[in-house]
């Protein structure tokens, strides 16, 4: 890791743009996948020039003084306008791509809805459908289901959620909130202990403890976060303004906590879904603070010398102590989507969908939520923010608990698109199964740049040798390895045309790109 011992504040400054960037990356990836699933020559392929322009808008705003949050007010005024246009463009493109999927027109008493899973693995999820909540089981990776508001069903049996005035419970978790709206107890069913740290005297340390700090870096406000900013903490541990049970159905339960902090309003909605192994927290913050850092602290009942941070296409192991000058300098570190602290038998993962500055000192996982620098943009971070985090207790092995998959599910909820007359869902383009080893992420599934065939990029992210099998529903003519420029590589692949299957072996953290050439329609029909 080439850790730079400066500019740690850029991991958080201008949080709205970091959130918009992350959302756009996810949405464009989903649009690419839907286009790749559509038949050759369909209307979806006409979206490719528009998709190219949308990607270039996102990439432009990843310039090193825009996305880090260290540019001037006029830049962010322009960026807000550009992202507002981009949101509309992505919404329209998503509908066109979804409606181009192969399906049969049919009559129904309600408008069919396509529910698409953008994740790299099959999942079950609670989905809002026309004002109703439905529990959709076994959504395939990059696959879809067709449902309607009349046929949607909620969760039943053991998976169902039970919600009380301060409690949430499902088949896997028990959650209790305290008067301050913190997680007084978070426990996996069957586990001997809650995951909360134990205080002297035996009381549990609440999770999701909000703390505000004075943030006045000596130089370069938007860029820097000084090491001594933690010297002046202000714990938000007084009674919340309100704690309300806002959802209590079998598919999902939710407790909403609201509080005032100085001139700001903070709303946290604790959400537990049927069958879920994590507690989601949906945040809405009207932030009005200047030169203030807001963080969430989570003290776990874990003793470990290292914690694990998710990064793009892998993870990093970092120290939980400050024994050396290098360790001291890493008081705020970058990461993506998840961080985990574990010992044999017990672990806690903290997940998020668009936060990048984090820490772990001893047994306390910290995530930086918002800042309020006044230079070079005097309005930085002021206003409305929405994002999601989650707490995931597990048995002590983050790989066995599939923490990266859980983080993907948090960041990439199912996408719902109204379809009009389409009534049958297409099969997923392929089924990816792990035969041996760790886990693989589908980094992209998209049309090839030359206009023929499709591209599938796979990444090993557990750090082990992993053998995968791909079973194709696409009319595959050939599969070959290519580089990131989609140029052929000298690499043999196991492919069985008769079985329409391919096997690949990934080395630890390997990125493998495959080009799939498709059979012409007449051959595919045969």
Protein backbone atom coordinates (compact mmCIF):
# COMPACT_ATOMS: atom_id res chain seq x y z
CA UNK A 1 0.00 0.00 0.00
CA UNK A 2 1.37 3.40 -1.02
CA UNK A 3 -0.14 5.23 1.94
CA UNK A 4 0.20 9.02 1.70
CA UNK A 5 0.64 10.62 5.12
CA UNK A 6 -1.39 13.68 4.15
CA UNK A 7 -4.77 14.70 2.70
CA UNK A 8 -6.83 12.19 4.70
CA UNK A 9 -9.77 14.59 4.69
CA UNK A 10 -10.27 14.03 0.96
CA UNK A 11 -11.66 10.60 1.83
CA UNK A 12 -14.77 12.38 3.17
CA UNK A 13 -15.02 15.99 1.87
CA UNK A 14 -17.95 16.71 -0.50
CA UNK A 15 -19.74 13.52 0.56
CA UNK A 16 -22.66 14.12 -1.81
CA UNK A 17 -20.37 13.81 -4.84
CA UNK A 18 -18.71 10.66 -3.57
CA UNK A 19 -22.17 9.18 -3.12
CA UNK A 20 -23.31 10.29 -6.58
CA UNK A 21 -20.15 8.87 -8.14
CA UNK A 22 -20.57 5.48 -6.43
CA UNK A 23 -24.23 5.31 -7.43
CA UNK A 24 -23.44 6.19 -11.05
CA UNK A 25 -20.74 3.53 -11.28
CA UNK A 26 -23.15 0.91 -9.98
CA UNK A 27 -26.04 1.99 -12.20
CA UNK A 28 -23.95 2.17 -15.39
CA UNK A 29 -22.56 -1.28 -14.67
CA UNK A 30 -26.14 -2.58 -14.39
CA UNK A 31 -27.13 -0.90 -17.66
CA UNK A 32 -24.12 -2.51 -19.37
CA UNK A 33 -25.16 -5.93 -18.09
CA UNK A 34 -28.75 -5.51 -19.28
CA UNK A 35 -27.55 -4.46 -22.74
CA UNK A 36 -25.25 -7.49 -22.87
CA UNK A 37 -28.19 -9.76 -21.93
CA UNK A 38 -30.39 -8.37 -24.70
CA UNK A 39 -30.46 -10.09 -28.12
CA UNK A 40 -28.01 -8.98 -30.78
CA UNK A 41 -29.61 -6.25 -32.90
CA UNK A 42 -32.11 -5.25 -30.22
CA UNK A 43 -32.97 -1.66 -29.36
CA UNK A 44 -30.68 -1.93 -26.33
CA UNK A 45 -27.59 -1.87 -28.55
CA UNK A 46 -28.56 1.61 -29.72
CA UNK A 47 -27.85 2.78 -26.17
CA UNK A 48 -24.11 2.20 -26.50
CA UNK A 49 -23.17 5.73 -27.71
CA UNK A 50 -25.27 7.23 -24.89
CA UNK A 51 -23.65 4.86 -22.41
CA UNK A 52 -20.22 5.98 -23.59
CA UNK A 53 -21.14 9.62 -22.96
CA UNK A 54 -22.49 8.80 -19.49
CA UNK A 55 -19.31 6.98 -18.51
CA UNK A 56 -17.25 9.96 -19.68
CA UNK A 57 -19.33 12.28 -17.48
CA UNK A 58 -18.53 10.08 -14.47
CA UNK A 59 -14.85 9.85 -15.36
CA UNK A 60 -14.56 13.60 -15.89
CA UNK A 61 -15.80 14.22 -12.35
CA UNK A 62 -13.23 11.76 -10.98
CA UNK A 63 -10.54 14.37 -11.68
CA UNK A 64 -8.18 14.65 -8.73
CA UNK A 65 -9.57 17.93 -7.36
CA UNK A 66 -13.25 17.20 -8.03
CA UNK A 67 -14.05 13.78 -6.57
CA UNK A 68 -11.69 14.24 -3.56
CA UNK A 69 -13.71 17.31 -2.57
CA UNK A 70 -10.92 19.85 -2.82
CA UNK A 71 -12.14 22.14 -5.59
CA UNK A 72 -13.96 25.51 -5.60
CA UNK A 73 -17.68 26.26 -5.32
CA UNK A 74 -18.24 26.83 -9.05
CA UNK A 75 -16.93 23.31 -9.81
CA UNK A 76 -19.46 21.69 -7.49
CA UNK A 77 -22.30 23.83 -8.81
CA UNK A 78 -21.47 22.47 -12.26
CA UNK A 79 -21.07 18.93 -10.91
CA UNK A 80 -24.51 18.99 -9.28
CA UNK A 81 -26.11 20.04 -12.55
CA UNK A 82 -24.17 17.39 -14.49
CA UNK A 83 -25.16 14.62 -12.07
CA UNK A 84 -28.81 15.72 -12.13
CA UNK A 85 -28.78 15.29 -15.92
CA UNK A 86 -26.91 12.01 -15.57
CA UNK A 87 -29.54 10.62 -13.17
CA UNK A 88 -32.26 11.29 -15.73
CA UNK A 89 -30.18 9.77 -18.53
CA UNK A 90 -29.44 6.63 -16.49
CA UNK A 91 -33.10 6.19 -15.53
CA UNK A 92 -34.21 6.39 -19.17
CA UNK A 93 -31.42 4.08 -20.39
CA UNK A 94 -32.18 1.54 -17.68
CA UNK A 95 -35.81 1.29 -18.77
CA UNK A 96 -34.88 0.90 -22.45
CA UNK A 97 -32.29 -1.80 -21.66
CA UNK A 98 -34.65 -3.72 -19.36
CA UNK A 99 -37.52 -3.66 -21.86
CA UNK A 100 -35.24 -5.04 -24.59
CA UNK A 101 -34.70 -8.30 -22.70
CA UNK A 102 -36.20 -11.34 -24.41
CA UNK A 103 -39.68 -12.00 -23.03
CA UNK A 104 -43.18 -12.88 -24.17
CA UNK A 105 -45.98 -10.34 -24.22
CA UNK A 106 -48.94 -11.46 -22.16
CA UNK A 107 -52.03 -10.18 -20.43
CA UNK A 108 -51.97 -9.53 -16.71
CA UNK A 109 -54.25 -7.80 -14.26
CA UNK A 110 -51.42 -5.51 -13.16
CA UNK A 111 -48.42 -3.99 -14.88
CA UNK A 112 -45.51 -6.45 -14.69
CA UNK A 113 -42.32 -5.29 -13.01
CA UNK A 114 -38.84 -6.56 -13.72
CA UNK A 115 -36.68 -7.09 -10.62
CA UNK A 116 -33.01 -7.26 -11.64
CA UNK A 117 -30.16 -8.39 -9.38
CA UNK A 118 -26.93 -6.47 -10.19
CA UNK A 119 -24.82 -8.50 -7.73
CA UNK A 120 -22.28 -11.23 -8.56
CA UNK A 121 -24.20 -13.89 -6.62
CA UNK A 122 -27.77 -15.11 -6.16
CA UNK A 123 -29.69 -13.50 -3.32
CA UNK A 124 -33.05 -12.98 -1.64
CA UNK A 125 -34.28 -9.49 -0.81
CA UNK A 126 -37.19 -7.33 0.26
CA UNK A 127 -38.35 -5.19 -2.67
CA UNK A 128 -40.86 -2.33 -2.78
CA UNK A 129 -43.34 -2.91 -5.61
CA UNK A 130 -45.92 -0.24 -6.27
CA UNK A 131 -46.44 0.62 -2.64
CA UNK A 132 -46.28 -3.01 -1.47
CA UNK A 133 -43.37 -4.91 0.02
CA UNK A 134 -42.45 -8.28 -1.46
CA UNK A 135 -39.88 -10.91 -0.50
CA UNK A 136 -38.16 -12.14 -3.67
CA UNK A 137 -36.21 -15.36 -3.17
CA UNK A 138 -33.24 -16.68 -5.14
CA UNK A 139 -32.72 -13.82 -7.57
CA UNK A 140 -29.89 -15.11 -9.80
CA UNK A 141 -26.70 -13.14 -10.33
CA UNK A 142 -27.22 -10.65 -13.18
CA UNK A 143 -30.66 -12.21 -13.53
CA UNK A 144 -34.24 -11.05 -13.23
CA UNK A 145 -37.70 -12.04 -12.10
CA UNK A 146 -41.02 -10.76 -13.38
CA UNK A 147 -43.54 -9.95 -10.64
CA UNK A 148 -46.65 -7.84 -10.30
CA UNK A 149 -48.13 -5.93 -7.41
CA UNK A 150 -50.97 -8.47 -7.23
CA UNK A 151 -48.75 -11.56 -7.17
CA UNK A 152 -46.12 -10.19 -4.74
CA UNK A 153 -45.88 -12.09 -1.47
CA UNK A 154 -44.30 -11.20 1.86
CA UNK A 155 -41.97 -13.42 3.86
CA UNK A 156 -43.42 -16.32 5.80
CA UNK A 157 -42.44 -18.79 8.51
CA UNK A 158 -39.08 -18.80 10.25
CA UNK A 159 -37.60 -16.10 8.03
CA UNK A 160 -40.19 -13.53 9.08
CA UNK A 161 -39.26 -10.44 11.10
CA UNK A 162 -40.67 -9.65 14.55
CA UNK A 163 -40.49 -6.01 15.63
CA UNK A 164 -41.17 -4.32 18.95
CA UNK A 165 -40.91 -0.85 20.45
CA UNK A 166 -37.10 -1.10 20.77
CA UNK A 167 -36.35 -4.54 19.29
CA UNK A 168 -35.96 -6.26 15.94
CA UNK A 169 -35.60 -10.01 15.46
CA UNK A 170 -35.48 -12.51 12.60
CA UNK A 171 -34.21 -16.06 12.14
CA UNK A 172 -30.58 -14.97 12.56
CA UNK A 173 -30.32 -11.76 14.62
CA UNK A 174 -31.62 -10.13 17.78
CA UNK A 175 -31.31 -6.31 17.97
CA UNK A 176 -32.07 -4.00 20.89
CA UNK A 177 -31.81 -0.18 20.91
CA UNK A 178 -31.19 2.04 23.94
CA UNK A 179 -32.69 5.45 24.80
CA UNK A 180 -30.02 7.23 22.75
CA UNK A 181 -30.92 5.25 19.64
CA UNK A 182 -27.72 3.21 19.70
CA UNK A 183 -27.51 -0.57 19.31
CA UNK A 184 -27.53 -1.70 22.93
CA UNK A 185 -27.22 -5.35 21.90
CA UNK A 186 -26.53 -7.12 18.61
CA UNK A 187 -26.41 -10.88 18.78
CA UNK A 188 -26.41 -13.76 16.34
CA UNK A 189 -28.82 -16.45 17.39
CA UNK A 190 -26.88 -19.42 18.67
CA UNK A 191 -23.81 -17.32 19.48
CA UNK A 192 -22.74 -17.47 23.14
CA UNK A 193 -22.18 -13.70 23.38
CA UNK A 194 -23.36 -10.48 21.74
CA UNK A 195 -20.84 -8.84 19.44
CA UNK A 196 -20.85 -5.63 21.57
CA UNK A 197 -17.74 -4.97 23.65
CA UNK A 198 -18.15 -5.61 27.38
CA UNK A 199 -17.51 -2.64 29.70
CA UNK A 200 -16.04 -2.92 33.22
CA UNK A 201 -18.85 -4.19 35.41
CA UNK A 202 -20.33 -6.36 32.66
CA UNK A 203 -22.46 -3.82 30.76
CA UNK A 204 -22.39 -3.85 26.96
CA UNK A 205 -20.88 -0.98 24.98
CA UNK A 206 -23.47 0.33 22.48
CA UNK A 207 -22.73 0.04 18.77
CA UNK A 208 -23.25 2.90 16.31
CA UNK A 209 -22.13 5.53 18.80
CA UNK A 210 -22.11 8.89 17.02
CA UNK A 211 -19.27 11.27 17.92
CA UNK A 212 -18.61 14.80 16.64
CA UNK A 213 -15.14 16.37 16.68
CA UNK A 214 -13.85 19.86 16.11
CA UNK A 215 -12.11 19.78 12.73
CA UNK A 216 -9.66 22.64 12.19
CA UNK A 217 -6.66 21.36 10.23
CA UNK A 218 -3.62 23.62 10.33
CA UNK A 219 -3.48 23.77 6.53
CA UNK A 220 -5.74 22.99 3.59
CA UNK A 221 -9.12 22.41 5.17
CA UNK A 222 -10.76 20.28 2.49
CA UNK A 223 -7.61 18.21 2.02
CA UNK A 224 -6.37 17.46 5.52
CA UNK A 225 -7.57 15.78 8.69
CA UNK A 226 -5.08 16.35 11.51
CA UNK A 227 -4.16 13.53 13.84
CA UNK A 228 -5.18 15.46 16.97
CA UNK A 229 -8.75 16.10 15.77
CA UNK A 230 -9.95 13.39 18.19
CA UNK A 231 -8.78 15.47 21.19
CA UNK A 232 -12.15 17.24 21.41
CA UNK A 233 -14.92 14.61 21.10
CA UNK A 234 -18.60 15.32 21.66
CA UNK A 235 -20.55 12.08 22.16
CA UNK A 236 -24.16 12.07 20.98
CA UNK A 237 -25.25 9.82 23.84
CA UNK A 238 -28.19 11.74 25.28
CA UNK A 239 -31.78 10.53 24.78
CA UNK A 240 -32.93 10.66 21.17
CA UNK A 241 -35.71 13.07 20.24
CA UNK A 242 -37.80 10.13 19.12
CA UNK A 243 -37.59 6.37 18.52
CA UNK A 244 -40.51 5.05 16.48
CA UNK A 245 -41.48 1.67 15.09
CA UNK A 246 -42.14 2.59 11.45
CA UNK A 247 -42.30 -0.87 9.82
CA UNK A 248 -43.47 -4.09 11.45
CA UNK A 249 -44.37 -6.50 8.65
CA UNK A 250 -43.05 -10.06 8.23
CA UNK A 251 -40.74 -9.00 5.38
CA UNK A 252 -39.10 -6.03 7.07
CA UNK A 253 -39.03 -4.30 10.44
CA UNK A 254 -37.68 -0.78 11.01
CA UNK A 255 -37.05 1.49 13.98
CA UNK A 256 -36.48 5.17 13.20
CA UNK A 257 -34.36 7.36 15.48
CA UNK A 258 -34.30 11.14 15.13
CA UNK A 259 -32.15 13.65 16.98
CA UNK A 260 -31.05 17.24 16.78
CA UNK A 261 -27.36 18.06 16.92
CA UNK A 262 -26.72 21.81 17.09
CA UNK A 263 -28.27 23.06 13.85
CA UNK A 264 -28.42 19.65 12.16
CA UNK A 265 -31.04 16.92 12.07
CA UNK A 266 -29.97 13.26 12.04
CA UNK A 267 -32.34 10.41 11.20
CA UNK A 268 -31.23 6.79 11.46
CA UNK A 269 -33.56 4.02 10.36
CA UNK A 270 -32.52 0.58 11.64
CA UNK A 271 -33.82 -2.00 9.15
CA UNK A 272 -33.92 -5.78 9.52
CA UNK A 273 -35.17 -7.85 6.60
CA UNK A 274 -36.48 -11.39 6.58
CA UNK A 275 -33.61 -13.88 6.51
CA UNK A 276 -30.96 -11.14 6.77
CA UNK A 277 -27.72 -11.66 8.67
CA UNK A 278 -26.95 -7.94 8.89
CA UNK A 279 -28.62 -4.90 10.46
CA UNK A 280 -28.95 -2.12 7.90
CA UNK A 281 -28.91 1.55 8.92
CA UNK A 282 -30.44 4.06 6.51
CA UNK A 283 -29.22 7.60 7.19
CA UNK A 284 -30.81 10.96 6.34
CA UNK A 285 -28.83 13.90 7.65
CA UNK A 286 -29.50 17.59 7.16
CA UNK A 287 -25.95 18.73 7.92
CA UNK A 288 -25.44 22.36 8.96
CA UNK A 289 -22.14 22.15 10.84
CA UNK A 290 -18.90 23.93 9.96
CA UNK A 291 -15.47 22.51 10.69
CA UNK A 292 -16.95 19.45 12.36
CA UNK A 293 -16.35 15.73 11.73
CA UNK A 294 -19.15 13.22 12.37
CA UNK A 295 -18.16 9.59 12.90
CA UNK A 296 -19.77 6.33 14.00
CA UNK A 297 -17.81 4.18 16.49
CA UNK A 298 -18.44 0.48 17.01
CA UNK A 299 -16.61 -1.30 19.85
CA UNK A 300 -16.61 -5.07 19.34
CA UNK A 301 -16.01 -7.88 21.81
CA UNK A 302 -12.95 -8.85 19.78
CA UNK A 303 -9.21 -8.84 20.44
CA UNK A 304 -7.05 -8.81 17.30
CA UNK A 305 -3.79 -7.32 16.07
CA UNK A 306 -5.20 -6.61 12.60
CA UNK A 307 -8.41 -5.61 10.87
CA UNK A 308 -9.37 -6.12 7.24
CA UNK A 309 -10.45 -3.38 4.81
CA UNK A 310 -12.23 -3.97 1.56
CA UNK A 311 -10.67 -2.31 -1.47
CA UNK A 312 -11.46 -2.54 -5.17
CA UNK A 313 -10.88 -6.14 -6.28
CA UNK A 314 -9.54 -7.34 -2.94
CA UNK A 315 -8.74 -6.43 0.65
CA UNK A 316 -5.92 -5.13 2.86
CA UNK A 317 -4.86 -6.21 6.34
CA UNK A 318 -4.02 -3.31 8.65
CA UNK A 319 -2.84 -2.95 12.25
CA UNK A 320 -5.20 -2.16 15.13
CA UNK A 321 -2.36 -0.62 17.21
CA UNK A 322 -0.14 2.47 17.02
CA UNK A 323 3.20 0.85 17.85
CA UNK A 324 5.29 2.53 15.15
CA UNK A 325 5.37 5.92 13.47
CA UNK A 326 3.90 4.31 10.35
CA UNK A 327 1.00 2.92 12.39
CA UNK A 328 0.44 6.31 14.03
CA UNK A 329 0.23 7.98 10.63
CA UNK A 330 -2.56 5.61 9.56
CA UNK A 331 -5.17 7.05 11.92
CA UNK A 332 -7.52 7.44 8.93
CA UNK A 333 -7.24 4.96 6.07
CA UNK A 334 -9.08 4.43 2.77
CA UNK A 335 -11.36 1.51 2.10
CA UNK A 336 -14.38 0.52 0.05
CA UNK A 337 -17.68 -1.02 1.15
CA UNK A 338 -16.53 -2.99 4.22
CA UNK A 339 -14.15 -3.41 7.12
CA UNK A 340 -13.94 -6.33 9.52
CA UNK A 341 -12.52 -7.09 12.96
CA UNK A 342 -12.40 -10.76 13.89
CA UNK A 343 -11.03 -13.34 16.26
CA UNK A 344 -11.68 -17.10 16.17
CA UNK A 345 -15.38 -17.58 16.85
CA UNK A 346 -16.52 -13.93 16.77
CA UNK A 347 -16.32 -11.02 14.38
CA UNK A 348 -17.99 -7.76 13.41
CA UNK A 349 -18.07 -6.21 9.94
CA UNK A 350 -19.05 -2.60 9.29
CA UNK A 351 -20.44 -2.11 5.78
CA UNK A 352 -21.28 1.04 3.79
CA UNK A 353 -22.37 2.12 0.33
CA UNK A 354 -20.36 5.32 -0.25
CA UNK A 355 -17.98 6.12 2.66
CA UNK A 356 -14.21 5.88 2.31
CA UNK A 357 -12.43 7.18 5.45
CA UNK A 358 -12.18 4.64 8.27
CA UNK A 359 -10.14 3.53 11.24
CA UNK A 360 -9.69 0.78 13.79
CA UNK A 361 -7.88 1.36 17.08
CA UNK A 362 -7.93 -1.57 19.47
CA UNK A 363 -11.40 -3.05 19.18
CA UNK A 364 -13.22 0.05 17.84
CA UNK A 365 -14.24 0.22 14.19
CA UNK A 366 -14.73 3.85 13.11
CA UNK A 367 -16.29 5.24 9.95
CA UNK A 368 -16.19 8.94 9.03
CA UNK A 369 -19.60 10.09 7.79
CA UNK A 370 -19.38 13.85 7.17
CA UNK A 371 -17.12 16.88 7.45
CA UNK A 372 -17.65 20.63 7.05
CA UNK A 373 -14.54 22.34 5.64
CA UNK A 374 -14.89 25.99 4.62
CA UNK A 375 -12.00 26.23 2.14
CA UNK A 376 -11.90 26.26 -0.86
CA UNK A 377 -15.71 25.75 -0.99
CA UNK A 378 -17.46 27.57 1.85
CA UNK A 379 -20.64 25.48 1.35
CA UNK A 380 -18.93 22.06 1.38
CA UNK A 381 -21.04 19.24 2.86
CA UNK A 382 -23.86 21.56 3.98
CA UNK A 383 -27.29 20.17 3.13
CA UNK A 384 -29.08 16.84 2.79
CA UNK A 385 -27.25 13.52 2.76
CA UNK A 386 -28.58 9.98 2.34
CA UNK A 387 -26.50 6.84 2.63
CA UNK A 388 -26.51 3.35 4.13
CA UNK A 389 -24.32 1.44 6.55
CA UNK A 390 -24.76 -1.98 8.16
CA UNK A 391 -23.52 -4.05 11.08
CA UNK A 392 -22.79 -7.70 10.37
CA UNK A 393 -21.89 -10.01 13.29
CA UNK A 394 -20.47 -13.39 12.33
CA UNK A 395 -18.61 -16.43 13.55
CA UNK A 396 -15.11 -14.99 13.23
CA UNK A 397 -14.09 -15.76 9.62
CA UNK A 398 -15.05 -12.97 7.23
CA UNK A 399 -14.52 -15.23 4.23
CA UNK A 400 -16.89 -17.89 5.56
CA UNK A 401 -19.39 -15.15 6.44
CA UNK A 402 -19.20 -13.83 2.84
CA UNK A 403 -18.65 -10.27 4.08
CA UNK A 404 -17.83 -8.89 0.58
CA UNK A 405 -21.07 -10.37 -0.76
CA UNK A 406 -23.04 -8.82 2.09
CA UNK A 407 -21.40 -5.46 1.34
CA UNK A 408 -22.36 -5.80 -2.33
CA UNK A 409 -25.98 -6.49 -1.36
CA UNK A 410 -26.07 -3.39 0.82
CA UNK A 411 -24.60 -1.16 -1.91
CA UNK A 412 -26.51 -2.72 -4.83
CA UNK A 413 -30.18 -3.35 -3.99
CA UNK A 414 -32.36 -5.01 -6.64
CA UNK A 415 -33.42 -2.71 -9.47
CA UNK A 416 -37.14 -2.51 -10.26
CA UNK A 417 -38.29 -1.45 -13.74
CA UNK A 418 -41.91 -1.30 -15.03
CA UNK A 419 -42.18 -3.30 -18.24
CA UNK A 420 -45.59 -2.75 -19.80
CA UNK A 421 -46.45 -5.92 -21.73
CA UNK A 422 -43.43 -8.12 -21.04
CA UNK A 423 -44.55 -10.99 -18.82
CA UNK A 424 -41.81 -13.62 -18.75
CA UNK A 425 -38.30 -13.18 -17.37
CA UNK A 426 -35.31 -14.27 -19.44
CA UNK A 427 -32.85 -16.72 -17.91
CA UNK A 428 -29.67 -15.15 -16.54
CA UNK A 429 -26.91 -15.02 -19.20
CA UNK A 430 -24.88 -17.57 -17.24
CA UNK A 431 -24.61 -19.19 -13.84
CA UNK A 432 -21.33 -18.74 -12.01
CA UNK A 433 -20.47 -21.38 -9.41
CA UNK A 434 -17.38 -21.75 -7.22
CA UNK A 435 -16.11 -25.31 -7.43
CA UNK A 436 -13.05 -24.88 -5.22
CA UNK A 437 -11.38 -22.11 -3.23
CA UNK A 438 -12.51 -18.59 -2.46
CA UNK A 439 -14.91 -16.24 -4.16
CA UNK A 440 -15.20 -14.32 -7.41
CA UNK A 441 -16.69 -10.95 -8.27
CA UNK A 442 -18.22 -10.12 -11.63
CA UNK A 443 -16.46 -6.81 -12.28
CA UNK A 444 -18.37 -6.23 -15.50
CA UNK A 445 -20.55 -7.93 -18.08
CA UNK A 446 -20.88 -5.72 -21.13
CA UNK A 447 -20.92 -5.59 -24.93
CA UNK A 448 -17.50 -5.91 -26.54
CA UNK A 449 -15.96 -2.64 -27.69
CA UNK A 450 -15.91 -3.75 -31.33
CA UNK A 451 -19.66 -4.29 -31.24
CA UNK A 452 -19.63 -8.09 -31.55
CA UNK A 453 -19.89 -10.48 -28.63
CA UNK A 454 -19.79 -9.69 -24.93
CA UNK A 455 -17.12 -9.23 -22.28
CA UNK A 456 -17.10 -10.85 -18.83
CA UNK A 457 -14.53 -9.71 -16.27
CA UNK A 458 -13.97 -11.88 -13.17
CA UNK A 459 -11.91 -11.03 -10.09
CA UNK A 460 -10.76 -13.30 -7.26
CA UNK A 461 -11.18 -11.36 -4.00
CA UNK A 462 -10.55 -13.77 -1.12
CA UNK A 463 -6.84 -14.12 -1.84
CA UNK A 464 -6.86 -17.82 -2.72
CA UNK A 465 -6.75 -20.13 -5.71
CA UNK A 466 -10.33 -20.40 -6.96
CA UNK A 467 -11.84 -22.70 -9.55
CA UNK A 468 -15.03 -21.50 -11.23
CA UNK A 469 -17.57 -22.95 -13.64
CA UNK A 470 -19.71 -20.91 -16.01
CA UNK A 471 -22.87 -22.53 -17.38
CA UNK A 472 -24.12 -20.47 -20.30
CA UNK A 473 -27.68 -19.76 -21.33
CA UNK A 474 -26.34 -17.41 -24.02
CA UNK A 475 -25.78 -18.92 -27.51
CA UNK A 476 -22.01 -19.16 -27.01
CA UNK A 477 -19.87 -19.89 -30.06
CA UNK A 478 -16.46 -19.44 -28.40
CA UNK A 479 -14.81 -18.20 -25.19
CA UNK A 480 -11.29 -16.82 -25.02
CA UNK A 481 -9.12 -14.80 -22.65
CA UNK A 482 -8.35 -11.18 -23.52
CA UNK A 483 -6.60 -8.29 -21.80
CA UNK A 484 -8.24 -5.10 -20.53
CA UNK A 485 -8.05 -3.66 -24.05
CA UNK A 486 -9.97 -6.75 -25.21
CA UNK A 487 -6.97 -8.03 -27.20
CA UNK A 488 -6.42 -11.84 -27.34
CA UNK A 489 -4.15 -13.49 -24.77
CA UNK A 490 -2.24 -16.76 -24.98
CA UNK A 491 -4.20 -18.56 -22.28
CA UNK A 492 -5.91 -21.92 -22.63
CA UNK A 493 -9.44 -22.27 -21.26
CA UNK A 494 -11.52 -25.36 -20.60
CA UNK A 495 -14.66 -24.97 -22.68
CA UNK A 496 -17.22 -27.66 -23.51
CA UNK A 497 -19.43 -26.49 -26.39
CA UNK A 498 -21.85 -29.40 -26.08
CA UNK A 499 -22.42 -28.74 -22.38
CA UNK A 500 -22.34 -24.96 -22.93
CA UNK A 501 -19.94 -24.65 -20.00
CA UNK A 502 -16.53 -23.12 -19.29
CA UNK A 503 -14.15 -23.71 -16.37
CA UNK A 504 -11.50 -21.22 -15.26
CA UNK A 505 -9.01 -21.11 -12.40
CA UNK A 506 -8.18 -17.73 -10.85
CA UNK A 507 -4.99 -17.03 -8.96
CA UNK A 508 -5.22 -14.93 -5.77
CA UNK A 509 -6.63 -11.48 -6.66
CA UNK A 510 -6.36 -12.22 -10.37
CA UNK A 511 -8.40 -10.16 -12.83
CA UNK A 512 -9.46 -12.32 -15.78
CA UNK A 513 -11.31 -10.91 -18.80
CA UNK A 514 -13.19 -13.26 -21.14
CA UNK A 515 -14.55 -12.51 -24.58
CA UNK A 516 -17.66 -14.49 -25.49
CA UNK A 517 -18.48 -14.65 -29.18
CA UNK A 518 -22.14 -15.45 -29.78
CA UNK A 519 -23.62 -17.72 -32.42
CA UNK A 520 -25.70 -16.05 -35.16
CA UNK A 521 -29.46 -16.13 -34.50
CA UNK A 522 -30.07 -18.95 -36.99
CA UNK A 523 -27.41 -21.16 -35.36
CA UNK A 524 -28.60 -20.26 -31.88
CA UNK A 525 -32.13 -21.39 -32.82
CA UNK A 526 -30.79 -24.77 -33.97
